[in-house]
N, C-alpha and C. Protein backbone atom coordinates (compact mmCIF):
# COMPACT_ATOMS: atom_id res chain seq x y z
N MET A 1 26.12 7.23 -3.25
CA MET A 1 25.26 8.11 -2.45
C MET A 1 25.11 7.51 -1.06
N ALA A 2 25.18 8.32 -0.04
CA ALA A 2 25.18 7.83 1.33
C ALA A 2 23.86 7.16 1.68
N GLY A 3 23.96 6.05 2.41
CA GLY A 3 22.77 5.38 2.91
C GLY A 3 21.88 4.84 1.81
N LYS A 4 20.56 4.94 2.03
CA LYS A 4 19.59 4.34 1.12
C LYS A 4 18.91 5.35 0.21
N GLN A 5 19.35 6.60 0.25
CA GLN A 5 18.73 7.61 -0.59
C GLN A 5 19.13 7.42 -2.05
N ILE A 6 18.14 7.49 -2.94
CA ILE A 6 18.39 7.40 -4.38
C ILE A 6 17.82 8.64 -5.06
N ALA A 7 18.24 8.87 -6.29
CA ALA A 7 17.76 10.00 -7.07
C ALA A 7 16.41 9.66 -7.69
N TRP A 8 15.62 10.69 -7.98
CA TRP A 8 14.30 10.46 -8.55
C TRP A 8 14.36 9.77 -9.90
N ASP A 9 15.40 10.02 -10.67
CA ASP A 9 15.46 9.39 -11.99
C ASP A 9 15.73 7.89 -11.93
N ALA A 10 16.00 7.38 -10.72
CA ALA A 10 16.21 5.93 -10.55
C ALA A 10 14.95 5.22 -10.06
N VAL A 11 13.92 5.97 -9.72
CA VAL A 11 12.73 5.36 -9.12
C VAL A 11 11.97 4.49 -10.10
N GLY A 12 11.76 4.98 -11.30
CA GLY A 12 10.97 4.24 -12.28
C GLY A 12 11.51 2.85 -12.57
N ALA A 13 12.83 2.71 -12.53
CA ALA A 13 13.46 1.43 -12.85
C ALA A 13 13.21 0.37 -11.78
N LEU A 14 12.69 0.76 -10.62
CA LEU A 14 12.40 -0.21 -9.56
C LEU A 14 11.12 -0.99 -9.85
N PHE A 15 10.34 -0.52 -10.80
CA PHE A 15 9.05 -1.13 -11.10
C PHE A 15 9.08 -1.85 -12.45
N ARG A 16 8.12 -2.76 -12.62
CA ARG A 16 7.95 -3.42 -13.91
C ARG A 16 6.46 -3.67 -14.14
N ASN A 17 6.10 -3.90 -15.36
CA ASN A 17 4.70 -4.18 -15.69
C ASN A 17 4.21 -5.42 -14.94
N GLY A 18 2.96 -5.38 -14.50
CA GLY A 18 2.35 -6.53 -13.84
C GLY A 18 2.68 -6.69 -12.38
N MET A 19 3.42 -5.76 -11.79
CA MET A 19 3.80 -5.87 -10.38
C MET A 19 2.60 -5.75 -9.45
N LYS A 20 2.72 -6.41 -8.28
CA LYS A 20 1.81 -6.16 -7.17
C LYS A 20 2.40 -5.03 -6.34
N VAL A 21 1.65 -3.95 -6.18
CA VAL A 21 2.14 -2.76 -5.49
C VAL A 21 1.21 -2.43 -4.33
N MET A 22 1.74 -2.42 -3.11
CA MET A 22 0.99 -1.93 -1.95
C MET A 22 1.29 -0.45 -1.75
N TYR A 23 0.28 0.29 -1.35
CA TYR A 23 0.47 1.72 -1.12
C TYR A 23 -0.21 2.12 0.18
N GLY A 24 0.41 3.07 0.88
CA GLY A 24 -0.15 3.57 2.12
C GLY A 24 -1.08 4.73 1.88
N GLY A 25 -1.71 5.19 2.96
CA GLY A 25 -2.54 6.38 2.87
C GLY A 25 -4.01 6.12 3.07
N PHE A 26 -4.72 7.20 3.36
CA PHE A 26 -6.16 7.17 3.55
C PHE A 26 -6.73 8.38 2.83
N MET A 27 -7.51 8.13 1.78
CA MET A 27 -8.06 9.21 0.96
C MET A 27 -6.95 10.11 0.41
N GLY A 28 -5.83 9.53 0.07
CA GLY A 28 -4.72 10.27 -0.50
C GLY A 28 -3.74 10.82 0.51
N VAL A 29 -4.17 10.96 1.77
CA VAL A 29 -3.27 11.44 2.82
C VAL A 29 -2.36 10.29 3.25
N GLY A 30 -1.05 10.52 3.15
CA GLY A 30 -0.12 9.46 3.48
C GLY A 30 0.24 8.58 2.30
N THR A 31 -0.19 8.97 1.10
CA THR A 31 0.20 8.26 -0.12
C THR A 31 1.33 9.03 -0.80
N PRO A 32 2.39 8.37 -1.24
CA PRO A 32 3.55 9.06 -1.83
C PRO A 32 3.28 9.52 -3.25
N ALA A 33 2.80 10.75 -3.39
CA ALA A 33 2.39 11.28 -4.69
C ALA A 33 3.54 11.33 -5.69
N GLY A 34 4.74 11.63 -5.21
CA GLY A 34 5.88 11.70 -6.12
C GLY A 34 6.22 10.35 -6.73
N ILE A 35 6.13 9.29 -5.92
CA ILE A 35 6.40 7.95 -6.43
C ILE A 35 5.33 7.54 -7.43
N VAL A 36 4.07 7.87 -7.15
CA VAL A 36 2.99 7.59 -8.10
C VAL A 36 3.26 8.31 -9.42
N GLU A 37 3.71 9.54 -9.34
CA GLU A 37 4.04 10.31 -10.53
C GLU A 37 5.16 9.64 -11.32
N ALA A 38 6.17 9.14 -10.62
CA ALA A 38 7.27 8.44 -11.28
C ALA A 38 6.81 7.14 -11.92
N MET A 39 5.86 6.46 -11.30
CA MET A 39 5.31 5.23 -11.88
C MET A 39 4.57 5.53 -13.17
N CYS A 40 3.83 6.62 -13.19
CA CYS A 40 3.13 7.01 -14.41
C CYS A 40 4.13 7.36 -15.52
N ALA A 41 5.18 8.07 -15.15
CA ALA A 41 6.19 8.47 -16.13
C ALA A 41 6.92 7.26 -16.71
N ALA A 42 6.99 6.17 -15.94
CA ALA A 42 7.65 4.95 -16.41
C ALA A 42 6.75 4.13 -17.32
N ASP A 43 5.53 4.61 -17.56
CA ASP A 43 4.58 3.96 -18.47
C ASP A 43 4.28 2.52 -18.08
N LEU A 44 4.08 2.31 -16.78
CA LEU A 44 3.78 0.97 -16.28
C LEU A 44 2.35 0.57 -16.64
N ARG A 45 2.15 -0.74 -16.82
CA ARG A 45 0.84 -1.27 -17.18
C ARG A 45 0.55 -2.55 -16.40
N GLU A 46 -0.72 -2.94 -16.40
CA GLU A 46 -1.16 -4.23 -15.83
C GLU A 46 -0.78 -4.38 -14.35
N LEU A 47 -0.79 -3.29 -13.61
CA LEU A 47 -0.43 -3.35 -12.20
C LEU A 47 -1.57 -3.93 -11.36
N GLU A 48 -1.20 -4.52 -10.23
CA GLU A 48 -2.18 -4.88 -9.21
C GLU A 48 -1.90 -4.01 -7.99
N LEU A 49 -2.88 -3.21 -7.60
CA LEU A 49 -2.72 -2.31 -6.46
C LEU A 49 -3.43 -2.88 -5.24
N ILE A 50 -2.79 -2.71 -4.07
CA ILE A 50 -3.37 -3.14 -2.81
C ILE A 50 -3.27 -1.98 -1.83
N GLY A 51 -4.41 -1.47 -1.39
CA GLY A 51 -4.41 -0.35 -0.46
C GLY A 51 -5.81 -0.08 0.05
N ASN A 52 -5.95 0.88 0.93
CA ASN A 52 -7.24 1.12 1.57
C ASN A 52 -8.29 1.64 0.60
N ASP A 53 -7.92 2.59 -0.28
CA ASP A 53 -8.90 3.22 -1.15
C ASP A 53 -8.19 3.80 -2.37
N THR A 54 -8.97 4.35 -3.30
CA THR A 54 -8.36 5.03 -4.45
C THR A 54 -8.59 6.53 -4.39
N GLY A 55 -8.89 7.03 -3.19
CA GLY A 55 -8.95 8.47 -2.97
C GLY A 55 -10.03 9.15 -3.79
N VAL A 56 -9.73 10.36 -4.21
CA VAL A 56 -10.58 11.15 -5.08
C VAL A 56 -9.86 11.30 -6.41
N PRO A 57 -10.48 11.91 -7.43
CA PRO A 57 -9.91 11.82 -8.77
C PRO A 57 -8.50 12.37 -8.99
N ILE A 58 -7.92 13.12 -8.04
CA ILE A 58 -6.60 13.70 -8.34
C ILE A 58 -5.48 13.16 -7.46
N PRO A 59 -5.53 13.27 -6.12
CA PRO A 59 -4.36 12.88 -5.33
C PRO A 59 -4.24 11.38 -5.15
N GLY A 60 -3.22 10.97 -4.41
CA GLY A 60 -3.03 9.56 -4.10
C GLY A 60 -2.70 8.74 -5.32
N VAL A 61 -3.28 7.53 -5.39
CA VAL A 61 -3.01 6.63 -6.52
C VAL A 61 -3.95 6.88 -7.69
N ALA A 62 -4.82 7.88 -7.59
CA ALA A 62 -5.81 8.14 -8.62
C ALA A 62 -5.22 8.25 -10.03
N PRO A 63 -4.05 8.89 -10.24
CA PRO A 63 -3.52 8.96 -11.60
C PRO A 63 -3.27 7.59 -12.23
N LEU A 64 -2.88 6.61 -11.43
CA LEU A 64 -2.67 5.27 -11.97
C LEU A 64 -3.98 4.67 -12.46
N ILE A 65 -5.07 4.99 -11.76
CA ILE A 65 -6.39 4.51 -12.17
C ILE A 65 -6.85 5.24 -13.42
N SER A 66 -6.82 6.56 -13.40
CA SER A 66 -7.35 7.35 -14.51
C SER A 66 -6.57 7.13 -15.80
N GLN A 67 -5.28 6.81 -15.69
CA GLN A 67 -4.47 6.53 -16.87
C GLN A 67 -4.52 5.05 -17.27
N ARG A 68 -5.37 4.30 -16.61
CA ARG A 68 -5.64 2.90 -16.95
C ARG A 68 -4.38 2.04 -16.92
N ARG A 69 -3.63 2.20 -15.86
CA ARG A 69 -2.40 1.43 -15.67
C ARG A 69 -2.61 0.24 -14.72
N VAL A 70 -3.83 0.09 -14.22
CA VAL A 70 -4.11 -0.91 -13.19
C VAL A 70 -5.04 -1.98 -13.76
N ARG A 71 -4.65 -3.23 -13.58
CA ARG A 71 -5.47 -4.36 -14.01
C ARG A 71 -6.39 -4.85 -12.90
N ARG A 72 -5.86 -4.83 -11.66
CA ARG A 72 -6.60 -5.39 -10.53
C ARG A 72 -6.37 -4.52 -9.30
N LEU A 73 -7.42 -4.37 -8.49
CA LEU A 73 -7.35 -3.54 -7.29
C LEU A 73 -7.94 -4.30 -6.11
N VAL A 74 -7.21 -4.30 -4.99
CA VAL A 74 -7.72 -4.83 -3.73
C VAL A 74 -7.82 -3.65 -2.77
N ALA A 75 -9.03 -3.30 -2.34
CA ALA A 75 -9.23 -2.10 -1.53
C ALA A 75 -10.50 -2.24 -0.70
N SER A 76 -10.66 -1.30 0.23
CA SER A 76 -11.85 -1.28 1.08
C SER A 76 -12.92 -0.32 0.58
N HIS A 77 -12.50 0.74 -0.13
CA HIS A 77 -13.45 1.80 -0.48
C HIS A 77 -13.04 2.44 -1.79
N ILE A 78 -13.99 2.54 -2.72
CA ILE A 78 -13.69 3.18 -4.01
C ILE A 78 -14.72 4.26 -4.34
N GLY A 79 -15.66 4.51 -3.44
CA GLY A 79 -16.81 5.35 -3.75
C GLY A 79 -16.51 6.80 -4.04
N THR A 80 -15.38 7.32 -3.57
CA THR A 80 -15.08 8.74 -3.77
C THR A 80 -14.27 9.00 -5.04
N ASN A 81 -13.95 7.93 -5.78
CA ASN A 81 -13.25 8.09 -7.06
C ASN A 81 -14.14 7.51 -8.16
N PRO A 82 -14.91 8.36 -8.84
CA PRO A 82 -15.85 7.87 -9.86
C PRO A 82 -15.18 7.05 -10.96
N GLU A 83 -13.93 7.37 -11.28
CA GLU A 83 -13.24 6.65 -12.36
C GLU A 83 -13.03 5.19 -12.01
N THR A 84 -12.75 4.91 -10.73
CA THR A 84 -12.57 3.52 -10.31
C THR A 84 -13.85 2.73 -10.53
N GLY A 85 -14.97 3.28 -10.07
CA GLY A 85 -16.26 2.61 -10.24
C GLY A 85 -16.63 2.45 -11.70
N LYS A 86 -16.35 3.46 -12.49
CA LYS A 86 -16.66 3.40 -13.92
C LYS A 86 -15.93 2.26 -14.60
N GLN A 87 -14.63 2.14 -14.32
CA GLN A 87 -13.85 1.06 -14.94
C GLN A 87 -14.28 -0.30 -14.43
N MET A 88 -14.64 -0.39 -13.15
CA MET A 88 -15.10 -1.66 -12.60
C MET A 88 -16.39 -2.11 -13.27
N LEU A 89 -17.36 -1.21 -13.40
CA LEU A 89 -18.65 -1.56 -13.99
C LEU A 89 -18.52 -1.89 -15.47
N ALA A 90 -17.52 -1.31 -16.12
CA ALA A 90 -17.30 -1.58 -17.55
C ALA A 90 -16.50 -2.85 -17.77
N GLY A 91 -16.07 -3.50 -16.69
CA GLY A 91 -15.28 -4.71 -16.82
C GLY A 91 -13.84 -4.47 -17.22
N GLU A 92 -13.38 -3.23 -17.05
CA GLU A 92 -12.01 -2.88 -17.43
C GLU A 92 -11.04 -2.98 -16.26
N LEU A 93 -11.57 -3.05 -15.05
CA LEU A 93 -10.75 -3.12 -13.84
C LEU A 93 -11.35 -4.15 -12.90
N GLU A 94 -10.55 -5.13 -12.52
CA GLU A 94 -11.01 -6.13 -11.55
C GLU A 94 -10.84 -5.56 -10.15
N VAL A 95 -11.90 -5.56 -9.37
CA VAL A 95 -11.87 -4.98 -8.03
C VAL A 95 -12.29 -6.02 -7.01
N GLU A 96 -11.46 -6.22 -5.99
CA GLU A 96 -11.81 -7.04 -4.84
C GLU A 96 -12.01 -6.11 -3.66
N LEU A 97 -13.26 -5.98 -3.21
CA LEU A 97 -13.56 -5.12 -2.08
C LEU A 97 -13.45 -5.93 -0.79
N VAL A 98 -12.69 -5.42 0.16
CA VAL A 98 -12.39 -6.13 1.40
C VAL A 98 -12.74 -5.22 2.58
N PRO A 99 -13.47 -5.70 3.58
CA PRO A 99 -13.70 -4.88 4.78
C PRO A 99 -12.38 -4.34 5.32
N GLN A 100 -12.40 -3.10 5.81
CA GLN A 100 -11.15 -2.43 6.15
C GLN A 100 -10.33 -3.17 7.20
N GLY A 101 -10.98 -3.65 8.25
CA GLY A 101 -10.25 -4.38 9.28
C GLY A 101 -9.67 -5.68 8.74
N THR A 102 -10.42 -6.34 7.87
CA THR A 102 -9.94 -7.58 7.25
C THR A 102 -8.74 -7.29 6.36
N LEU A 103 -8.80 -6.19 5.60
CA LEU A 103 -7.68 -5.83 4.74
C LEU A 103 -6.42 -5.59 5.55
N ALA A 104 -6.54 -4.82 6.63
CA ALA A 104 -5.38 -4.53 7.47
C ALA A 104 -4.79 -5.82 8.05
N GLU A 105 -5.66 -6.72 8.49
CA GLU A 105 -5.17 -7.96 9.10
C GLU A 105 -4.56 -8.90 8.07
N ARG A 106 -5.09 -8.92 6.86
CA ARG A 106 -4.50 -9.75 5.80
C ARG A 106 -3.09 -9.26 5.47
N ILE A 107 -2.91 -7.94 5.44
CA ILE A 107 -1.58 -7.38 5.19
C ILE A 107 -0.65 -7.70 6.36
N ARG A 108 -1.18 -7.56 7.58
CA ARG A 108 -0.35 -7.87 8.75
C ARG A 108 0.09 -9.32 8.74
N CYS A 109 -0.81 -10.21 8.37
CA CYS A 109 -0.45 -11.64 8.27
C CYS A 109 0.64 -11.85 7.23
N GLY A 110 0.53 -11.15 6.11
CA GLY A 110 1.56 -11.26 5.08
C GLY A 110 2.92 -10.82 5.58
N GLY A 111 2.94 -9.77 6.39
CA GLY A 111 4.19 -9.28 6.93
C GLY A 111 4.76 -10.17 8.02
N ALA A 112 3.87 -10.86 8.75
CA ALA A 112 4.30 -11.70 9.87
C ALA A 112 4.58 -13.14 9.47
N GLY A 113 4.33 -13.47 8.21
CA GLY A 113 4.57 -14.83 7.76
C GLY A 113 3.51 -15.82 8.20
N LEU A 114 2.32 -15.34 8.52
CA LEU A 114 1.22 -16.21 8.95
C LEU A 114 0.43 -16.71 7.74
N GLY A 115 -0.23 -17.84 7.92
CA GLY A 115 -0.98 -18.44 6.82
C GLY A 115 -2.37 -17.89 6.63
N GLY A 116 -2.80 -17.00 7.50
CA GLY A 116 -4.13 -16.42 7.41
C GLY A 116 -4.74 -16.28 8.79
N PHE A 117 -6.03 -15.94 8.83
CA PHE A 117 -6.73 -15.78 10.11
C PHE A 117 -8.21 -16.02 9.91
N LEU A 118 -8.91 -16.25 11.00
CA LEU A 118 -10.35 -16.48 10.98
C LEU A 118 -11.08 -15.23 11.45
N THR A 119 -12.16 -14.88 10.75
CA THR A 119 -12.96 -13.72 11.14
C THR A 119 -14.43 -13.99 10.83
N PRO A 120 -15.34 -13.53 11.69
CA PRO A 120 -16.76 -13.66 11.38
C PRO A 120 -17.25 -12.59 10.40
N THR A 121 -16.43 -11.58 10.16
CA THR A 121 -16.83 -10.48 9.27
C THR A 121 -17.04 -10.99 7.85
N GLY A 122 -18.21 -10.75 7.32
CA GLY A 122 -18.51 -11.14 5.95
C GLY A 122 -19.22 -12.46 5.79
N VAL A 123 -19.39 -13.21 6.87
CA VAL A 123 -20.10 -14.50 6.78
C VAL A 123 -21.54 -14.26 6.30
N GLY A 124 -21.94 -15.01 5.29
CA GLY A 124 -23.30 -14.87 4.77
C GLY A 124 -23.51 -13.70 3.84
N THR A 125 -22.42 -13.04 3.44
CA THR A 125 -22.51 -11.90 2.52
C THR A 125 -21.69 -12.19 1.27
N VAL A 126 -21.66 -11.22 0.35
CA VAL A 126 -20.88 -11.37 -0.87
C VAL A 126 -19.39 -11.53 -0.56
N VAL A 127 -18.95 -11.06 0.60
CA VAL A 127 -17.55 -11.20 1.00
C VAL A 127 -17.15 -12.67 1.11
N GLU A 128 -18.10 -13.53 1.39
CA GLU A 128 -17.82 -14.95 1.59
C GLU A 128 -17.51 -15.69 0.29
N GLU A 129 -17.90 -15.16 -0.84
CA GLU A 129 -17.79 -15.88 -2.11
C GLU A 129 -16.35 -16.31 -2.39
N GLY A 130 -16.19 -17.62 -2.66
CA GLY A 130 -14.88 -18.16 -3.00
C GLY A 130 -13.96 -18.41 -1.82
N LYS A 131 -14.46 -18.24 -0.60
CA LYS A 131 -13.62 -18.41 0.59
C LYS A 131 -14.05 -19.63 1.40
N THR A 132 -13.14 -20.12 2.20
CA THR A 132 -13.41 -21.26 3.07
C THR A 132 -14.15 -20.79 4.33
N ARG A 133 -15.24 -21.49 4.64
CA ARG A 133 -16.03 -21.17 5.83
C ARG A 133 -15.83 -22.28 6.86
N LEU A 134 -15.50 -21.91 8.07
CA LEU A 134 -15.23 -22.88 9.13
C LEU A 134 -16.08 -22.56 10.35
N LYS A 135 -16.47 -23.61 11.07
CA LYS A 135 -17.19 -23.42 12.32
C LYS A 135 -16.27 -23.78 13.47
N VAL A 136 -16.08 -22.86 14.37
CA VAL A 136 -15.28 -23.09 15.57
C VAL A 136 -16.20 -22.86 16.77
N GLY A 137 -16.44 -23.93 17.53
CA GLY A 137 -17.44 -23.82 18.58
C GLY A 137 -18.81 -23.60 17.97
N TRP A 138 -19.45 -22.50 18.35
CA TRP A 138 -20.77 -22.19 17.81
C TRP A 138 -20.74 -21.07 16.77
N THR A 139 -19.55 -20.65 16.37
CA THR A 139 -19.43 -19.48 15.50
C THR A 139 -18.86 -19.86 14.14
N ASP A 140 -19.45 -19.30 13.07
CA ASP A 140 -18.93 -19.47 11.72
C ASP A 140 -17.92 -18.38 11.42
N TYR A 141 -16.83 -18.79 10.78
CA TYR A 141 -15.76 -17.86 10.42
C TYR A 141 -15.39 -18.03 8.95
N LEU A 142 -14.81 -16.99 8.38
CA LEU A 142 -14.17 -17.08 7.07
C LEU A 142 -12.66 -17.16 7.26
N LEU A 143 -12.03 -18.01 6.47
CA LEU A 143 -10.57 -18.05 6.45
C LEU A 143 -10.08 -16.99 5.47
N GLU A 144 -9.41 -15.98 5.98
CA GLU A 144 -8.86 -14.91 5.14
C GLU A 144 -7.36 -15.14 4.97
N LEU A 145 -6.90 -15.11 3.73
CA LEU A 145 -5.51 -15.41 3.42
C LEU A 145 -4.65 -14.15 3.45
N PRO A 146 -3.35 -14.31 3.68
CA PRO A 146 -2.46 -13.14 3.78
C PRO A 146 -2.26 -12.45 2.44
N LEU A 147 -1.89 -11.19 2.51
CA LEU A 147 -1.55 -10.40 1.32
C LEU A 147 -0.10 -9.96 1.40
N ARG A 148 0.60 -10.11 0.28
CA ARG A 148 1.95 -9.58 0.14
C ARG A 148 2.06 -8.91 -1.22
N ALA A 149 3.13 -8.13 -1.40
CA ALA A 149 3.33 -7.43 -2.67
C ALA A 149 4.79 -7.51 -3.10
N ASP A 150 5.00 -7.23 -4.37
CA ASP A 150 6.37 -7.15 -4.88
C ASP A 150 7.08 -5.92 -4.33
N ILE A 151 6.33 -4.83 -4.21
CA ILE A 151 6.92 -3.57 -3.75
C ILE A 151 5.88 -2.78 -2.97
N ALA A 152 6.31 -2.09 -1.93
CA ALA A 152 5.44 -1.20 -1.16
C ALA A 152 5.96 0.22 -1.30
N ILE A 153 5.04 1.16 -1.54
CA ILE A 153 5.41 2.57 -1.63
C ILE A 153 4.79 3.28 -0.43
N VAL A 154 5.63 3.92 0.37
CA VAL A 154 5.17 4.53 1.62
C VAL A 154 5.54 6.00 1.67
N LYS A 155 4.83 6.74 2.50
CA LYS A 155 5.08 8.17 2.70
C LYS A 155 5.38 8.40 4.17
N ALA A 156 6.53 9.01 4.44
CA ALA A 156 6.94 9.27 5.82
C ALA A 156 7.27 10.75 5.99
N ALA A 157 7.16 11.23 7.22
CA ALA A 157 7.50 12.62 7.52
C ALA A 157 9.01 12.81 7.60
N ARG A 158 9.68 11.85 8.26
CA ARG A 158 11.13 11.96 8.43
C ARG A 158 11.77 10.58 8.30
N ALA A 159 13.02 10.60 7.88
CA ALA A 159 13.82 9.37 7.82
C ALA A 159 15.27 9.75 8.01
N ASP A 160 16.04 8.81 8.56
CA ASP A 160 17.48 9.01 8.51
C ASP A 160 18.01 8.26 7.28
N ARG A 161 19.28 8.43 7.00
CA ARG A 161 19.84 7.86 5.77
C ARG A 161 19.95 6.34 5.81
N LEU A 162 19.67 5.76 6.97
CA LEU A 162 19.64 4.30 7.09
C LEU A 162 18.24 3.74 6.82
N GLY A 163 17.26 4.64 6.62
CA GLY A 163 15.92 4.20 6.26
C GLY A 163 14.94 4.08 7.41
N ASN A 164 15.32 4.46 8.63
CA ASN A 164 14.37 4.45 9.74
C ASN A 164 13.32 5.54 9.51
N LEU A 165 12.04 5.18 9.64
CA LEU A 165 10.96 6.08 9.24
C LEU A 165 10.09 6.53 10.40
N VAL A 166 9.71 7.81 10.35
CA VAL A 166 8.77 8.41 11.30
C VAL A 166 7.58 8.93 10.50
N TYR A 167 6.38 8.54 10.92
CA TYR A 167 5.15 8.98 10.25
C TYR A 167 4.41 9.98 11.13
N GLU A 168 3.56 10.78 10.48
CA GLU A 168 2.73 11.73 11.22
C GLU A 168 1.26 11.54 10.87
N ARG A 169 0.43 11.63 11.90
CA ARG A 169 -1.03 11.68 11.76
C ARG A 169 -1.56 10.52 10.90
N ALA A 170 -2.38 10.84 9.90
CA ALA A 170 -3.06 9.78 9.13
C ALA A 170 -2.10 8.89 8.36
N ALA A 171 -0.88 9.35 8.15
CA ALA A 171 0.10 8.52 7.45
C ALA A 171 0.52 7.31 8.28
N ARG A 172 0.11 7.29 9.55
CA ARG A 172 0.43 6.15 10.41
C ARG A 172 -0.50 4.96 10.17
N ASN A 173 -1.44 5.09 9.26
CA ASN A 173 -2.42 4.02 9.09
C ASN A 173 -1.82 2.78 8.43
N PHE A 174 -1.85 2.70 7.12
CA PHE A 174 -1.40 1.49 6.43
C PHE A 174 0.09 1.48 6.13
N ASN A 175 0.75 2.62 6.19
CA ASN A 175 2.17 2.65 5.81
C ASN A 175 3.04 1.69 6.63
N PRO A 176 2.96 1.69 7.97
CA PRO A 176 3.80 0.75 8.72
C PRO A 176 3.48 -0.71 8.43
N LEU A 177 2.21 -1.01 8.14
CA LEU A 177 1.81 -2.38 7.83
C LEU A 177 2.41 -2.86 6.52
N ILE A 178 2.26 -2.06 5.47
CA ILE A 178 2.70 -2.52 4.15
C ILE A 178 4.22 -2.60 4.06
N ALA A 179 4.92 -1.81 4.88
CA ALA A 179 6.38 -1.86 4.85
C ALA A 179 6.92 -3.22 5.28
N LEU A 180 6.10 -4.01 5.96
CA LEU A 180 6.51 -5.34 6.40
C LEU A 180 6.02 -6.44 5.48
N ALA A 181 5.20 -6.09 4.48
CA ALA A 181 4.53 -7.11 3.67
C ALA A 181 4.91 -7.06 2.20
N ALA A 182 6.09 -6.55 1.89
CA ALA A 182 6.53 -6.46 0.50
C ALA A 182 8.00 -6.85 0.38
N ASP A 183 8.36 -7.31 -0.80
CA ASP A 183 9.75 -7.71 -1.04
C ASP A 183 10.69 -6.51 -1.10
N VAL A 184 10.19 -5.39 -1.62
CA VAL A 184 10.98 -4.16 -1.74
C VAL A 184 10.15 -3.01 -1.18
N VAL A 185 10.79 -2.11 -0.44
CA VAL A 185 10.10 -0.96 0.15
C VAL A 185 10.82 0.32 -0.25
N ILE A 186 10.06 1.26 -0.82
CA ILE A 186 10.61 2.58 -1.14
C ILE A 186 9.76 3.63 -0.44
N ALA A 187 10.43 4.56 0.24
CA ALA A 187 9.73 5.59 1.02
C ALA A 187 10.01 6.97 0.46
N GLU A 188 8.95 7.73 0.29
CA GLU A 188 9.05 9.15 -0.05
C GLU A 188 8.98 9.93 1.25
N VAL A 189 9.97 10.77 1.51
CA VAL A 189 10.16 11.35 2.84
C VAL A 189 10.25 12.87 2.77
N ASP A 190 9.54 13.54 3.67
CA ASP A 190 9.57 15.00 3.70
C ASP A 190 10.93 15.54 4.14
N GLU A 191 11.55 14.89 5.11
CA GLU A 191 12.82 15.37 5.66
C GLU A 191 13.76 14.19 5.90
N ILE A 192 14.96 14.28 5.36
CA ILE A 192 15.97 13.23 5.54
C ILE A 192 17.09 13.78 6.43
N VAL A 193 17.38 13.05 7.50
CA VAL A 193 18.37 13.52 8.48
C VAL A 193 19.47 12.48 8.64
N GLU A 194 20.48 12.84 9.39
CA GLU A 194 21.61 11.95 9.61
C GLU A 194 21.27 10.88 10.65
N PRO A 195 21.89 9.71 10.58
CA PRO A 195 21.67 8.67 11.59
C PRO A 195 21.98 9.18 12.99
N GLY A 196 21.15 8.77 13.95
CA GLY A 196 21.32 9.22 15.33
C GLY A 196 20.51 10.44 15.67
N THR A 197 19.88 11.06 14.66
CA THR A 197 19.10 12.27 14.88
C THR A 197 17.68 11.97 15.36
N LEU A 198 17.09 10.91 14.85
CA LEU A 198 15.70 10.58 15.18
C LEU A 198 15.58 10.01 16.59
N ASP A 199 14.48 10.36 17.26
CA ASP A 199 14.15 9.75 18.54
C ASP A 199 13.74 8.30 18.28
N PRO A 200 14.45 7.32 18.80
CA PRO A 200 14.10 5.92 18.54
C PRO A 200 12.67 5.56 18.91
N ASP A 201 12.11 6.24 19.91
CA ASP A 201 10.75 5.95 20.34
C ASP A 201 9.71 6.37 19.30
N LEU A 202 10.11 7.22 18.35
CA LEU A 202 9.18 7.69 17.32
C LEU A 202 9.27 6.89 16.03
N VAL A 203 10.29 6.08 15.90
CA VAL A 203 10.48 5.29 14.68
C VAL A 203 9.46 4.16 14.64
N MET A 204 8.65 4.13 13.57
CA MET A 204 7.62 3.09 13.43
C MET A 204 8.00 2.02 12.42
N THR A 205 8.87 2.35 11.48
CA THR A 205 9.38 1.37 10.52
C THR A 205 10.89 1.38 10.59
N PRO A 206 11.50 0.26 11.00
CA PRO A 206 12.97 0.22 11.10
C PRO A 206 13.62 0.17 9.73
N GLY A 207 14.78 0.76 9.64
CA GLY A 207 15.49 0.83 8.37
C GLY A 207 15.83 -0.52 7.77
N VAL A 208 15.87 -1.57 8.58
CA VAL A 208 16.23 -2.88 8.08
C VAL A 208 15.25 -3.39 7.03
N VAL A 209 14.00 -2.90 7.03
CA VAL A 209 13.02 -3.36 6.05
C VAL A 209 12.83 -2.35 4.91
N VAL A 210 13.53 -1.23 4.95
CA VAL A 210 13.40 -0.20 3.92
C VAL A 210 14.59 -0.29 2.97
N ASP A 211 14.29 -0.37 1.67
CA ASP A 211 15.36 -0.52 0.68
C ASP A 211 15.82 0.81 0.10
N TYR A 212 14.88 1.74 -0.13
CA TYR A 212 15.22 3.01 -0.77
C TYR A 212 14.42 4.15 -0.15
N ILE A 213 15.01 5.34 -0.12
CA ILE A 213 14.29 6.55 0.27
C ILE A 213 14.55 7.63 -0.76
N VAL A 214 13.54 8.48 -0.99
CA VAL A 214 13.68 9.62 -1.89
C VAL A 214 13.09 10.84 -1.19
N PRO A 215 13.67 12.02 -1.41
CA PRO A 215 13.12 13.24 -0.81
C PRO A 215 11.81 13.63 -1.49
N ALA A 216 10.82 14.01 -0.70
CA ALA A 216 9.50 14.33 -1.24
C ALA A 216 9.57 15.52 -2.17
N ARG A 217 8.77 15.45 -3.22
CA ARG A 217 8.60 16.58 -4.12
C ARG A 217 7.45 17.44 -3.63
N SER A 218 7.43 18.70 -4.03
CA SER A 218 6.32 19.59 -3.67
C SER A 218 5.15 19.32 -4.60
N HIS A 219 3.94 19.20 -4.00
CA HIS A 219 2.72 18.99 -4.78
C HIS A 219 1.65 19.94 -4.28
């Protein structure tokens, strides 16, 4: 098959139980629903998810939560998905809540190969628990460590067959970040075009970091 495009029946085999999976999107917008569906069909278990939120009970990564396929979650917001909170309070799902800016920067550090960064956000709060606190000058900081994943699942509006990705609107949030912070990257794409078709100035994720692309399914 030309370029990096694969068939949907090959998607499930890219995953394994216990994987760390980063996902893009904000409240389900910009999350690759077809890939999530394929992950559920592959009967994956004990996953660790890293992303901004768990959306609402239906779109985005919510099916992985409701089907109890997730062991651990690193996210900024879970309040709009009652199932996530229910499992957390029951001790069935380990949740690490991270301030949104801190989460984005930890992922960026993972993609850039940095050892972490200092931030005053969370000093003196529950966010500080288990972390190193440092004083630089007159200010206290927390040392936040980088985040990486085994695989990142992203949603793009367009791609060429070499894997260069163009995002639209809210999908521009975490998708470009996570594509740099995972060992394997698979993109679900609304439109796949031939190389040379995309405006280079619009490409936010270069094909060199993208391993696989699949055409988006209708949802």
